[in-house]
Amino acid sequence: MRRRDFIALVGGAAAGWPLSTRAQQPPRLPLIGFMSGRSPEDSVYLVAGFREGLRESGFIEGQNVTIEFRWARGQYDLLPALATELLNGRVALLVAVGGDPSAQAAKNATSEVPIVFGMAADPVAAGLVESFGRPGGNATGFTLVSAEMEPKRLGLLHELLPHVPLIGALVNPQYPPAARQVQELEAAVRTIGKRLLVARASMTESENLH
């Protein structure tokens, strides 16, 4: 998303409120909803970067914009409710990061409120945007397309440890791209004559162990 488009999205929200409401009470700052499939503890640097990006665009939290955060902590089934909760708070913009399920939940929740997402898979294939060049709709963002990077990561590991016969991979089965990532890894290990051990662990499974 271009900076001027972001400014227009946030700044335009306040202008749309009724004049009578604005006359009776102090103007409400534009509200940005930030939802993530991750936890706040492992996202400190991401949130810091997000706030810095806002400041560079002229938006300072508490002065001319407000941010509300929601965290799923790896429990992706909570994301639809988190998206609805933020939308009920009349957010001007919904940021959906921390895994592909976050972006999908945001898109499923609204076709009107602007969405800025970050994901690892193909947003076109996921139905979030029409194309990379012309996203259309109400969603835009970035993709890492990380599944296609698995063979490259495995190749680097093989160069560092060429004599290791067994390679392990830890994946979250609740993360939609995980199946694609495992497929890419399985194909890659066959080309180098190694074996792959896949361990699957999710936040729910971890909690059940305690």
N, C-alpha and C. Protein backbone atom coordinates (compact mmCIF):
# COMPACT_ATOMS: atom_id res chain seq x y z
N MET A 1 0.85 -1.19 0.00
CA MET A 1 0.00 0.00 0.00
C MET A 1 0.88 1.24 0.00
N ARG A 2 0.56 2.21 -0.87
CA ARG A 2 1.31 3.44 -0.92
C ARG A 2 0.97 4.33 0.27
N ARG A 3 1.97 5.11 0.72
CA ARG A 3 1.79 5.91 1.93
C ARG A 3 0.60 6.85 1.81
N ARG A 4 0.43 7.49 0.67
CA ARG A 4 -0.69 8.45 0.55
C ARG A 4 -2.03 7.74 0.60
N ASP A 5 -2.08 6.49 0.14
CA ASP A 5 -3.33 5.73 0.21
C ASP A 5 -3.66 5.42 1.67
N PHE A 6 -2.62 5.06 2.45
CA PHE A 6 -2.83 4.76 3.86
C PHE A 6 -3.32 5.99 4.60
N ILE A 7 -2.70 7.13 4.31
CA ILE A 7 -3.11 8.38 4.96
C ILE A 7 -4.56 8.70 4.63
N ALA A 8 -4.94 8.48 3.40
CA ALA A 8 -6.33 8.76 3.00
C ALA A 8 -7.30 7.84 3.71
N LEU A 9 -6.92 6.57 3.89
CA LEU A 9 -7.80 5.61 4.55
C LEU A 9 -8.05 6.00 6.00
N VAL A 10 -6.97 6.30 6.73
CA VAL A 10 -7.11 6.63 8.14
C VAL A 10 -7.72 8.00 8.34
N GLY A 11 -7.20 8.98 7.62
CA GLY A 11 -7.68 10.34 7.80
C GLY A 11 -9.11 10.54 7.35
N GLY A 12 -9.53 9.78 6.34
CA GLY A 12 -10.89 9.94 5.83
C GLY A 12 -11.95 9.43 6.75
N ALA A 13 -11.60 8.57 7.68
CA ALA A 13 -12.59 7.99 8.57
C ALA A 13 -13.24 9.05 9.46
N ALA A 14 -12.44 9.93 10.03
CA ALA A 14 -12.97 10.95 10.92
C ALA A 14 -13.88 11.92 10.20
N ALA A 15 -13.59 12.18 8.95
CA ALA A 15 -14.39 13.16 8.21
C ALA A 15 -15.81 12.67 7.94
N GLY A 16 -16.01 11.36 8.03
CA GLY A 16 -17.32 10.81 7.71
C GLY A 16 -18.30 10.81 8.85
N TRP A 17 -17.90 11.16 10.07
CA TRP A 17 -18.83 11.14 11.19
C TRP A 17 -19.78 12.34 11.13
N PRO A 18 -21.01 12.17 11.64
CA PRO A 18 -22.01 13.25 11.58
C PRO A 18 -21.53 14.50 12.29
N LEU A 19 -21.90 15.66 11.72
CA LEU A 19 -21.48 16.94 12.31
C LEU A 19 -22.07 17.12 13.70
N SER A 20 -23.31 16.67 13.91
CA SER A 20 -23.94 16.83 15.21
C SER A 20 -23.19 16.07 16.28
N THR A 21 -22.71 14.87 15.94
CA THR A 21 -21.97 14.06 16.91
C THR A 21 -20.67 14.74 17.26
N ARG A 22 -19.98 15.28 16.25
CA ARG A 22 -18.70 15.93 16.49
C ARG A 22 -18.86 17.21 17.31
N ALA A 23 -20.00 17.86 17.22
CA ALA A 23 -20.23 19.10 17.94
C ALA A 23 -20.50 18.83 19.42
N GLN A 24 -21.07 17.66 19.75
CA GLN A 24 -21.46 17.37 21.12
C GLN A 24 -20.33 16.77 21.95
N GLN A 25 -19.35 16.19 21.33
CA GLN A 25 -18.28 15.55 22.07
C GLN A 25 -16.96 15.72 21.32
N PRO A 26 -15.84 15.56 22.05
CA PRO A 26 -14.54 15.68 21.38
C PRO A 26 -14.44 14.67 20.24
N PRO A 27 -13.82 15.06 19.15
CA PRO A 27 -13.73 14.15 18.01
C PRO A 27 -12.97 12.88 18.37
N ARG A 28 -13.49 11.78 17.93
CA ARG A 28 -12.86 10.49 18.18
C ARG A 28 -11.71 10.28 17.21
N LEU A 29 -10.58 9.86 17.72
CA LEU A 29 -9.44 9.61 16.86
C LEU A 29 -9.71 8.41 15.97
N PRO A 30 -9.25 8.44 14.73
CA PRO A 30 -9.39 7.26 13.86
C PRO A 30 -8.79 6.04 14.54
N LEU A 31 -9.48 4.92 14.46
CA LEU A 31 -9.08 3.71 15.16
C LEU A 31 -8.56 2.66 14.18
N ILE A 32 -7.37 2.16 14.46
CA ILE A 32 -6.80 1.07 13.68
C ILE A 32 -6.89 -0.21 14.50
N GLY A 33 -7.45 -1.24 13.91
CA GLY A 33 -7.49 -2.55 14.56
C GLY A 33 -6.32 -3.39 14.09
N PHE A 34 -5.58 -3.96 15.03
CA PHE A 34 -4.41 -4.77 14.72
C PHE A 34 -4.64 -6.16 15.29
N MET A 35 -4.82 -7.15 14.42
CA MET A 35 -5.05 -8.52 14.87
C MET A 35 -3.93 -9.43 14.36
N SER A 36 -3.52 -10.36 15.23
CA SER A 36 -2.41 -11.24 14.87
C SER A 36 -2.67 -12.65 15.39
N GLY A 37 -2.22 -13.62 14.62
CA GLY A 37 -2.31 -15.00 15.07
C GLY A 37 -1.23 -15.35 16.07
N ARG A 38 -0.29 -14.46 16.27
CA ARG A 38 0.83 -14.70 17.19
C ARG A 38 0.53 -14.12 18.57
N SER A 39 1.54 -14.04 19.41
CA SER A 39 1.39 -13.48 20.74
C SER A 39 2.14 -12.16 20.83
N PRO A 40 1.75 -11.30 21.78
CA PRO A 40 2.46 -10.01 21.90
C PRO A 40 3.91 -10.19 22.33
N GLU A 41 4.18 -11.27 23.07
CA GLU A 41 5.54 -11.47 23.57
C GLU A 41 6.54 -11.71 22.44
N ASP A 42 6.13 -12.43 21.39
CA ASP A 42 7.07 -12.70 20.29
C ASP A 42 6.88 -11.75 19.12
N SER A 43 6.11 -10.67 19.34
CA SER A 43 5.86 -9.70 18.27
C SER A 43 6.28 -8.29 18.65
N VAL A 44 7.09 -8.18 19.70
CA VAL A 44 7.48 -6.85 20.18
C VAL A 44 8.14 -6.03 19.07
N TYR A 45 9.07 -6.66 18.36
CA TYR A 45 9.79 -5.91 17.32
C TYR A 45 8.88 -5.58 16.14
N LEU A 46 7.90 -6.44 15.87
CA LEU A 46 6.97 -6.17 14.78
C LEU A 46 6.06 -4.98 15.11
N VAL A 47 5.57 -4.94 16.34
CA VAL A 47 4.72 -3.83 16.76
C VAL A 47 5.51 -2.53 16.77
N ALA A 48 6.77 -2.61 17.21
CA ALA A 48 7.61 -1.41 17.21
C ALA A 48 7.81 -0.90 15.79
N GLY A 49 8.03 -1.80 14.85
CA GLY A 49 8.18 -1.41 13.45
C GLY A 49 6.90 -0.83 12.88
N PHE A 50 5.77 -1.41 13.29
CA PHE A 50 4.47 -0.91 12.84
C PHE A 50 4.24 0.52 13.31
N ARG A 51 4.52 0.76 14.58
CA ARG A 51 4.34 2.11 15.13
C ARG A 51 5.30 3.10 14.46
N GLU A 52 6.52 2.66 14.19
CA GLU A 52 7.49 3.53 13.54
C GLU A 52 7.03 3.88 12.13
N GLY A 53 6.47 2.90 11.42
CA GLY A 53 5.95 3.17 10.09
C GLY A 53 4.81 4.17 10.11
N LEU A 54 3.97 4.07 11.13
CA LEU A 54 2.89 5.05 11.28
C LEU A 54 3.45 6.45 11.51
N ARG A 55 4.44 6.53 12.39
CA ARG A 55 5.04 7.84 12.69
C ARG A 55 5.66 8.46 11.44
N GLU A 56 6.30 7.65 10.62
CA GLU A 56 6.89 8.16 9.40
C GLU A 56 5.83 8.70 8.44
N SER A 57 4.60 8.19 8.56
CA SER A 57 3.51 8.66 7.72
C SER A 57 2.71 9.77 8.38
N GLY A 58 3.15 10.19 9.58
CA GLY A 58 2.48 11.31 10.25
C GLY A 58 1.42 10.90 11.25
N PHE A 59 1.34 9.60 11.57
CA PHE A 59 0.34 9.13 12.53
C PHE A 59 1.02 8.73 13.82
N ILE A 60 0.66 9.40 14.92
CA ILE A 60 1.25 9.14 16.22
C ILE A 60 0.16 8.64 17.16
N GLU A 61 0.39 7.45 17.69
CA GLU A 61 -0.61 6.84 18.57
C GLU A 61 -0.90 7.73 19.76
N GLY A 62 -2.19 7.96 20.00
CA GLY A 62 -2.60 8.80 21.12
C GLY A 62 -2.75 10.26 20.77
N GLN A 63 -2.18 10.68 19.63
CA GLN A 63 -2.30 12.07 19.21
C GLN A 63 -3.29 12.24 18.06
N ASN A 64 -3.11 11.47 17.01
CA ASN A 64 -4.05 11.59 15.89
C ASN A 64 -4.53 10.24 15.39
N VAL A 65 -4.23 9.18 16.14
CA VAL A 65 -4.72 7.85 15.77
C VAL A 65 -4.68 6.96 17.02
N THR A 66 -5.60 6.01 17.07
CA THR A 66 -5.65 5.04 18.17
C THR A 66 -5.48 3.64 17.60
N ILE A 67 -4.82 2.76 18.35
CA ILE A 67 -4.62 1.38 17.91
C ILE A 67 -5.17 0.43 18.97
N GLU A 68 -5.94 -0.55 18.55
CA GLU A 68 -6.38 -1.62 19.44
C GLU A 68 -5.81 -2.94 18.94
N PHE A 69 -5.24 -3.71 19.85
CA PHE A 69 -4.58 -4.96 19.50
C PHE A 69 -5.40 -6.16 19.96
N ARG A 70 -5.37 -7.20 19.15
CA ARG A 70 -5.98 -8.48 19.51
C ARG A 70 -5.01 -9.59 19.11
N TRP A 71 -4.82 -10.58 20.00
CA TRP A 71 -3.84 -11.64 19.78
C TRP A 71 -4.50 -13.01 19.93
N ALA A 72 -4.28 -13.88 18.95
CA ALA A 72 -4.84 -15.22 19.00
C ALA A 72 -3.91 -16.21 19.71
N ARG A 73 -2.64 -15.85 19.85
CA ARG A 73 -1.65 -16.69 20.53
C ARG A 73 -1.60 -18.11 19.95
N GLY A 74 -1.62 -18.19 18.63
CA GLY A 74 -1.52 -19.48 17.96
C GLY A 74 -2.81 -20.25 17.86
N GLN A 75 -3.88 -19.76 18.46
CA GLN A 75 -5.18 -20.43 18.38
C GLN A 75 -5.98 -19.77 17.26
N TYR A 76 -5.77 -20.26 16.04
CA TYR A 76 -6.31 -19.61 14.86
C TYR A 76 -7.83 -19.60 14.82
N ASP A 77 -8.46 -20.51 15.54
CA ASP A 77 -9.92 -20.54 15.54
C ASP A 77 -10.51 -19.32 16.25
N LEU A 78 -9.69 -18.59 17.00
CA LEU A 78 -10.17 -17.38 17.69
C LEU A 78 -10.19 -16.16 16.77
N LEU A 79 -9.50 -16.23 15.63
CA LEU A 79 -9.33 -15.05 14.78
C LEU A 79 -10.65 -14.47 14.24
N PRO A 80 -11.61 -15.29 13.79
CA PRO A 80 -12.86 -14.69 13.31
C PRO A 80 -13.55 -13.84 14.37
N ALA A 81 -13.55 -14.31 15.63
CA ALA A 81 -14.18 -13.53 16.70
C ALA A 81 -13.40 -12.26 16.99
N LEU A 82 -12.08 -12.33 16.90
CA LEU A 82 -11.26 -11.13 17.12
C LEU A 82 -11.52 -10.09 16.04
N ALA A 83 -11.66 -10.56 14.79
CA ALA A 83 -11.94 -9.64 13.69
C ALA A 83 -13.30 -8.96 13.90
N THR A 84 -14.30 -9.74 14.29
CA THR A 84 -15.63 -9.19 14.52
C THR A 84 -15.62 -8.19 15.66
N GLU A 85 -14.88 -8.50 16.71
CA GLU A 85 -14.79 -7.59 17.86
C GLU A 85 -14.19 -6.25 17.46
N LEU A 86 -13.15 -6.27 16.66
CA LEU A 86 -12.54 -5.03 16.22
C LEU A 86 -13.47 -4.25 15.29
N LEU A 87 -14.12 -4.95 14.40
CA LEU A 87 -15.04 -4.28 13.48
C LEU A 87 -16.21 -3.66 14.22
N ASN A 88 -16.68 -4.31 15.27
CA ASN A 88 -17.77 -3.75 16.08
C ASN A 88 -17.32 -2.47 16.78
N GLY A 89 -16.02 -2.31 16.93
CA GLY A 89 -15.48 -1.08 17.52
C GLY A 89 -15.31 0.04 16.51
N ARG A 90 -15.79 -0.18 15.29
CA ARG A 90 -15.77 0.84 14.23
C ARG A 90 -14.35 1.24 13.86
N VAL A 91 -13.53 0.26 13.56
CA VAL A 91 -12.17 0.58 13.13
C VAL A 91 -12.21 1.19 11.73
N ALA A 92 -11.28 2.08 11.48
CA ALA A 92 -11.16 2.69 10.16
C ALA A 92 -10.31 1.82 9.24
N LEU A 93 -9.49 0.98 9.85
CA LEU A 93 -8.57 0.14 9.10
C LEU A 93 -8.29 -1.11 9.92
N LEU A 94 -8.23 -2.27 9.27
CA LEU A 94 -7.97 -3.52 9.96
C LEU A 94 -6.66 -4.11 9.45
N VAL A 95 -5.69 -4.25 10.34
CA VAL A 95 -4.40 -4.85 10.02
C VAL A 95 -4.44 -6.31 10.46
N ALA A 96 -4.14 -7.23 9.54
CA ALA A 96 -4.22 -8.66 9.83
C ALA A 96 -2.88 -9.32 9.51
N VAL A 97 -2.17 -9.72 10.54
CA VAL A 97 -0.83 -10.29 10.37
C VAL A 97 -0.68 -11.50 11.29
N GLY A 98 0.57 -12.03 11.33
CA GLY A 98 0.83 -13.15 12.23
C GLY A 98 0.36 -14.48 11.69
N GLY A 99 0.38 -14.64 10.37
CA GLY A 99 -0.05 -15.90 9.77
C GLY A 99 -1.21 -15.73 8.81
N ASP A 100 -1.27 -16.60 7.83
CA ASP A 100 -2.31 -16.52 6.81
C ASP A 100 -3.74 -16.56 7.36
N PRO A 101 -4.03 -17.35 8.42
CA PRO A 101 -5.40 -17.39 8.94
C PRO A 101 -5.91 -16.02 9.39
N SER A 102 -5.00 -15.16 9.82
CA SER A 102 -5.40 -13.82 10.25
C SER A 102 -5.93 -13.02 9.08
N ALA A 103 -5.21 -13.05 7.97
CA ALA A 103 -5.66 -12.33 6.78
C ALA A 103 -6.98 -12.89 6.27
N GLN A 104 -7.12 -14.21 6.28
CA GLN A 104 -8.34 -14.83 5.78
C GLN A 104 -9.53 -14.49 6.67
N ALA A 105 -9.31 -14.48 7.99
CA ALA A 105 -10.39 -14.15 8.91
C ALA A 105 -10.85 -12.71 8.73
N ALA A 106 -9.90 -11.82 8.51
CA ALA A 106 -10.25 -10.41 8.29
C ALA A 106 -11.06 -10.25 7.01
N LYS A 107 -10.63 -10.91 5.95
CA LYS A 107 -11.33 -10.81 4.67
C LYS A 107 -12.73 -11.40 4.76
N ASN A 108 -12.87 -12.50 5.50
CA ASN A 108 -14.19 -13.11 5.65
C ASN A 108 -15.13 -12.24 6.48
N ALA A 109 -14.54 -11.42 7.34
CA ALA A 109 -15.35 -10.62 8.27
C ALA A 109 -15.90 -9.35 7.66
N THR A 110 -15.22 -8.79 6.65
CA THR A 110 -15.68 -7.53 6.07
C THR A 110 -15.28 -7.39 4.61
N SER A 111 -16.17 -6.81 3.85
CA SER A 111 -15.86 -6.47 2.46
C SER A 111 -15.85 -4.96 2.27
N GLU A 112 -15.94 -4.22 3.37
CA GLU A 112 -16.03 -2.77 3.30
C GLU A 112 -14.85 -2.07 3.99
N VAL A 113 -14.53 -2.47 5.21
CA VAL A 113 -13.43 -1.83 5.93
C VAL A 113 -12.10 -2.21 5.26
N PRO A 114 -11.24 -1.23 5.00
CA PRO A 114 -9.94 -1.53 4.37
C PRO A 114 -9.10 -2.48 5.23
N ILE A 115 -8.46 -3.43 4.58
CA ILE A 115 -7.62 -4.43 5.26
C ILE A 115 -6.20 -4.34 4.71
N VAL A 116 -5.23 -4.33 5.61
CA VAL A 116 -3.82 -4.45 5.25
C VAL A 116 -3.33 -5.76 5.86
N PHE A 117 -2.88 -6.70 5.04
CA PHE A 117 -2.51 -8.01 5.54
C PHE A 117 -1.05 -8.32 5.25
N GLY A 118 -0.55 -9.30 5.99
CA GLY A 118 0.75 -9.88 5.72
C GLY A 118 0.59 -11.39 5.77
N MET A 119 1.09 -12.09 4.76
CA MET A 119 0.90 -13.54 4.73
C MET A 119 2.06 -14.22 4.03
N ALA A 120 2.11 -15.54 4.15
CA ALA A 120 3.20 -16.30 3.56
C ALA A 120 2.81 -16.93 2.23
N ALA A 121 1.52 -17.17 2.02
CA ALA A 121 1.06 -17.86 0.82
C ALA A 121 0.68 -16.85 -0.27
N ASP A 122 0.06 -17.35 -1.32
CA ASP A 122 -0.34 -16.55 -2.47
C ASP A 122 -1.70 -15.91 -2.18
N PRO A 123 -1.79 -14.59 -2.02
CA PRO A 123 -3.07 -13.95 -1.71
C PRO A 123 -4.08 -14.04 -2.84
N VAL A 124 -3.60 -14.21 -4.07
CA VAL A 124 -4.52 -14.36 -5.20
C VAL A 124 -5.20 -15.72 -5.11
N ALA A 125 -4.41 -16.78 -4.90
CA ALA A 125 -4.97 -18.12 -4.77
C ALA A 125 -5.89 -18.23 -3.55
N ALA A 126 -5.58 -17.46 -2.51
CA ALA A 126 -6.39 -17.49 -1.29
C ALA A 126 -7.68 -16.69 -1.43
N GLY A 127 -7.82 -15.93 -2.52
CA GLY A 127 -9.03 -15.16 -2.75
C GLY A 127 -9.06 -13.82 -2.04
N LEU A 128 -7.90 -13.36 -1.55
CA LEU A 128 -7.88 -12.08 -0.86
C LEU A 128 -7.84 -10.91 -1.82
N VAL A 129 -7.14 -11.08 -2.94
CA VAL A 129 -7.03 -10.02 -3.94
C VAL A 129 -7.24 -10.61 -5.32
N GLU A 130 -7.55 -9.75 -6.28
CA GLU A 130 -7.78 -10.21 -7.65
C GLU A 130 -6.47 -10.51 -8.37
N SER A 131 -5.46 -9.67 -8.14
CA SER A 131 -4.16 -9.87 -8.76
C SER A 131 -3.14 -9.06 -7.99
N PHE A 132 -1.86 -9.33 -8.22
CA PHE A 132 -0.80 -8.58 -7.55
C PHE A 132 -0.77 -7.13 -8.03
N GLY A 133 -0.98 -6.93 -9.30
CA GLY A 133 -0.93 -5.58 -9.85
C GLY A 133 -2.14 -4.74 -9.52
N ARG A 134 -3.31 -5.39 -9.49
CA ARG A 134 -4.57 -4.70 -9.20
C ARG A 134 -5.35 -5.50 -8.16
N PRO A 135 -5.07 -5.26 -6.88
CA PRO A 135 -5.70 -6.06 -5.83
C PRO A 135 -7.22 -6.02 -5.85
N GLY A 136 -7.79 -4.83 -6.13
CA GLY A 136 -9.24 -4.70 -6.12
C GLY A 136 -9.78 -4.89 -4.70
N GLY A 137 -11.09 -4.83 -4.56
CA GLY A 137 -11.71 -5.09 -3.27
C GLY A 137 -11.23 -4.16 -2.17
N ASN A 138 -11.22 -4.68 -0.94
CA ASN A 138 -10.87 -3.86 0.22
C ASN A 138 -9.59 -4.32 0.91
N ALA A 139 -8.84 -5.23 0.28
CA ALA A 139 -7.64 -5.77 0.93
C ALA A 139 -6.39 -5.52 0.09
N THR A 140 -5.31 -5.23 0.78
CA THR A 140 -4.01 -5.10 0.15
C THR A 140 -2.96 -5.48 1.19
N GLY A 141 -1.73 -5.73 0.77
CA GLY A 141 -0.72 -6.11 1.75
C GLY A 141 0.51 -6.67 1.08
N PHE A 142 1.16 -7.60 1.77
CA PHE A 142 2.39 -8.19 1.24
C PHE A 142 2.37 -9.70 1.48
N THR A 143 3.15 -10.41 0.69
CA THR A 143 3.28 -11.86 0.85
C THR A 143 4.74 -12.25 0.80
N LEU A 144 5.09 -13.25 1.59
CA LEU A 144 6.44 -13.80 1.59
C LEU A 144 6.56 -15.02 0.70
N VAL A 145 5.41 -15.64 0.38
CA VAL A 145 5.37 -16.87 -0.41
C VAL A 145 6.44 -17.83 0.14
N SER A 146 6.36 -18.12 1.43
CA SER A 146 7.44 -18.83 2.11
C SER A 146 7.51 -20.31 1.78
N ALA A 147 6.41 -20.94 1.37
CA ALA A 147 6.46 -22.37 1.08
C ALA A 147 7.48 -22.67 -0.01
N GLU A 148 7.55 -21.78 -1.02
CA GLU A 148 8.49 -21.99 -2.12
C GLU A 148 9.93 -21.81 -1.67
N MET A 149 10.15 -21.27 -0.47
CA MET A 149 11.50 -21.06 0.04
C MET A 149 12.03 -22.28 0.79
N GLU A 150 11.18 -23.26 1.09
CA GLU A 150 11.62 -24.40 1.88
C GLU A 150 12.78 -25.16 1.23
N PRO A 151 12.74 -25.46 -0.08
CA PRO A 151 13.89 -26.14 -0.69
C PRO A 151 15.19 -25.36 -0.56
N LYS A 152 15.12 -24.03 -0.64
CA LYS A 152 16.33 -23.21 -0.52
C LYS A 152 16.87 -23.28 0.92
N ARG A 153 15.97 -23.23 1.89
CA ARG A 153 16.40 -23.33 3.28
C ARG A 153 17.04 -24.69 3.55
N LEU A 154 16.41 -25.73 2.99
CA LEU A 154 16.95 -27.07 3.17
C LEU A 154 18.32 -27.20 2.50
N GLY A 155 18.47 -26.57 1.33
CA GLY A 155 19.75 -26.62 0.64
C GLY A 155 20.85 -25.96 1.44
N LEU A 156 20.55 -24.85 2.10
CA LEU A 156 21.54 -24.17 2.94
C LEU A 156 21.92 -25.04 4.14
N LEU A 157 20.91 -25.71 4.71
CA LEU A 157 21.18 -26.59 5.83
C LEU A 157 22.07 -27.76 5.41
N HIS A 158 21.81 -28.28 4.22
CA HIS A 158 22.61 -29.40 3.70
C HIS A 158 24.06 -28.97 3.46
N GLU A 159 24.26 -27.75 3.02
CA GLU A 159 25.62 -27.25 2.81
C GLU A 159 26.36 -27.13 4.14
N LEU A 160 25.65 -26.73 5.19
CA LEU A 160 26.28 -26.57 6.49
C LEU A 160 26.55 -27.92 7.15
N LEU A 161 25.61 -28.86 6.98
CA LEU A 161 25.73 -30.17 7.62
C LEU A 161 25.49 -31.27 6.59
N PRO A 162 26.42 -31.46 5.68
CA PRO A 162 26.20 -32.39 4.57
C PRO A 162 26.11 -33.86 4.98
N HIS A 163 26.62 -34.24 6.15
CA HIS A 163 26.67 -35.65 6.52
C HIS A 163 25.53 -36.06 7.46
N VAL A 164 24.63 -35.15 7.76
CA VAL A 164 23.49 -35.48 8.63
C VAL A 164 22.46 -36.28 7.82
N PRO A 165 22.12 -37.52 8.25
CA PRO A 165 21.20 -38.35 7.46
C PRO A 165 19.73 -38.02 7.68
N LEU A 166 19.39 -37.47 8.84
CA LEU A 166 17.99 -37.21 9.19
C LEU A 166 17.79 -35.74 9.50
N ILE A 167 16.80 -35.15 8.87
CA ILE A 167 16.49 -33.73 9.06
C ILE A 167 15.11 -33.60 9.68
N GLY A 168 15.00 -32.79 10.71
CA GLY A 168 13.72 -32.60 11.39
C GLY A 168 13.06 -31.28 11.03
N ALA A 169 11.75 -31.29 11.02
CA ALA A 169 10.97 -30.08 10.75
C ALA A 169 9.82 -30.00 11.75
N LEU A 170 9.67 -28.86 12.39
CA LEU A 170 8.59 -28.63 13.35
C LEU A 170 7.56 -27.70 12.72
N VAL A 171 6.31 -28.16 12.62
CA VAL A 171 5.27 -27.38 11.97
C VAL A 171 4.04 -27.32 12.86
N ASN A 172 3.25 -26.28 12.64
CA ASN A 172 1.97 -26.12 13.33
C ASN A 172 0.87 -26.63 12.40
N PRO A 173 0.19 -27.72 12.72
CA PRO A 173 -0.82 -28.27 11.82
C PRO A 173 -2.04 -27.38 11.63
N GLN A 174 -2.22 -26.40 12.52
CA GLN A 174 -3.34 -25.48 12.37
C GLN A 174 -3.02 -24.33 11.42
N TYR A 175 -1.78 -24.26 10.99
CA TYR A 175 -1.35 -23.21 10.07
C TYR A 175 -1.56 -23.69 8.64
N PRO A 176 -2.49 -23.09 7.88
CA PRO A 176 -2.84 -23.62 6.56
C PRO A 176 -1.67 -23.89 5.62
N PRO A 177 -0.65 -23.02 5.52
CA PRO A 177 0.44 -23.32 4.60
C PRO A 177 1.34 -24.47 5.04
N ALA A 178 1.12 -25.02 6.25
CA ALA A 178 2.01 -26.06 6.76
C ALA A 178 2.02 -27.28 5.85
N ALA A 179 0.86 -27.68 5.34
CA ALA A 179 0.81 -28.85 4.47
C ALA A 179 1.64 -28.65 3.21
N ARG A 180 1.56 -27.45 2.65
CA ARG A 180 2.35 -27.14 1.45
C ARG A 180 3.84 -27.12 1.78
N GLN A 181 4.18 -26.58 2.94
CA GLN A 181 5.59 -26.53 3.35
C GLN A 181 6.17 -27.93 3.50
N VAL A 182 5.40 -28.84 4.10
CA VAL A 182 5.86 -30.21 4.27
C VAL A 182 6.05 -30.89 2.91
N GLN A 183 5.13 -30.65 1.98
CA GLN A 183 5.26 -31.22 0.64
C GLN A 183 6.54 -30.75 -0.04
N GLU A 184 6.83 -29.46 0.10
CA GLU A 184 8.04 -28.91 -0.50
C GLU A 184 9.30 -29.52 0.13
N LEU A 185 9.26 -29.71 1.45
CA LEU A 185 10.40 -30.29 2.15
C LEU A 185 10.60 -31.75 1.75
N GLU A 186 9.50 -32.49 1.67
CA GLU A 186 9.59 -33.91 1.30
C GLU A 186 10.20 -34.08 -0.09
N ALA A 187 9.79 -33.21 -1.00
CA ALA A 187 10.35 -33.28 -2.36
C ALA A 187 11.82 -32.90 -2.35
N ALA A 188 12.18 -31.94 -1.52
CA ALA A 188 13.56 -31.46 -1.49
C ALA A 188 14.51 -32.49 -0.87
N VAL A 189 14.09 -33.18 0.20
CA VAL A 189 14.99 -34.14 0.84
C VAL A 189 15.26 -35.34 -0.07
N ARG A 190 14.28 -35.66 -0.92
CA ARG A 190 14.50 -36.78 -1.84
C ARG A 190 15.62 -36.48 -2.83
N THR A 191 15.75 -35.23 -3.20
CA THR A 191 16.77 -34.86 -4.19
C THR A 191 18.18 -34.92 -3.61
N ILE A 192 18.31 -34.84 -2.28
CA ILE A 192 19.63 -34.89 -1.66
C ILE A 192 19.86 -36.20 -0.91
N GLY A 193 18.91 -37.14 -1.04
CA GLY A 193 19.09 -38.46 -0.43
C GLY A 193 19.04 -38.48 1.08
N LYS A 194 18.22 -37.60 1.68
CA LYS A 194 18.09 -37.55 3.13
C LYS A 194 16.71 -38.04 3.55
N ARG A 195 16.55 -38.22 4.86
CA ARG A 195 15.25 -38.55 5.43
C ARG A 195 14.70 -37.35 6.19
N LEU A 196 13.38 -37.23 6.22
CA LEU A 196 12.73 -36.10 6.88
C LEU A 196 11.82 -36.60 7.99
N LEU A 197 11.98 -36.03 9.17
CA LEU A 197 11.10 -36.32 10.31
C LEU A 197 10.30 -35.06 10.61
N VAL A 198 8.99 -35.16 10.47
CA VAL A 198 8.12 -34.01 10.69
C VAL A 198 7.43 -34.15 12.04
N ALA A 199 7.61 -33.17 12.90
CA ALA A 199 6.93 -33.11 14.20
C ALA A 199 5.87 -32.03 14.13
N ARG A 200 4.66 -32.35 14.56
CA ARG A 200 3.55 -31.40 14.49
C ARG A 200 3.14 -31.00 15.90
N ALA A 201 3.08 -29.70 16.13
CA ALA A 201 2.72 -29.19 17.45
C ALA A 201 1.98 -27.87 17.30
N SER A 202 0.86 -27.74 18.00
CA SER A 202 0.09 -26.49 17.99
C SER A 202 -0.05 -25.99 19.41
N MET A 203 -0.52 -24.77 19.54
CA MET A 203 -0.71 -24.19 20.87
C MET A 203 -1.70 -25.03 21.66
N THR A 204 -2.79 -25.50 21.02
CA THR A 204 -3.81 -26.30 21.71
C THR A 204 -3.22 -27.58 22.23
N GLU A 205 -2.42 -28.27 21.41
CA GLU A 205 -1.81 -29.52 21.83
C GLU A 205 -0.84 -29.30 22.98
N SER A 206 -0.11 -28.17 22.93
CA SER A 206 0.83 -27.86 24.01
C SER A 206 0.11 -27.64 25.30
N GLU A 207 -1.03 -26.95 25.27
CA GLU A 207 -1.79 -26.67 26.48
C GLU A 207 -2.36 -27.95 27.09
N ASN A 208 -2.71 -28.92 26.22
CA ASN A 208 -3.28 -30.17 26.70
C ASN A 208 -2.26 -31.02 27.43
N LEU A 209 -0.97 -30.75 27.24
CA LEU A 209 0.07 -31.52 27.88
C LEU A 209 0.27 -31.11 29.34
N HIS A 210 -0.20 -29.94 29.69
CA HIS A 210 0.00 -29.41 31.06
C HIS A 210 -1.16 -29.77 31.97
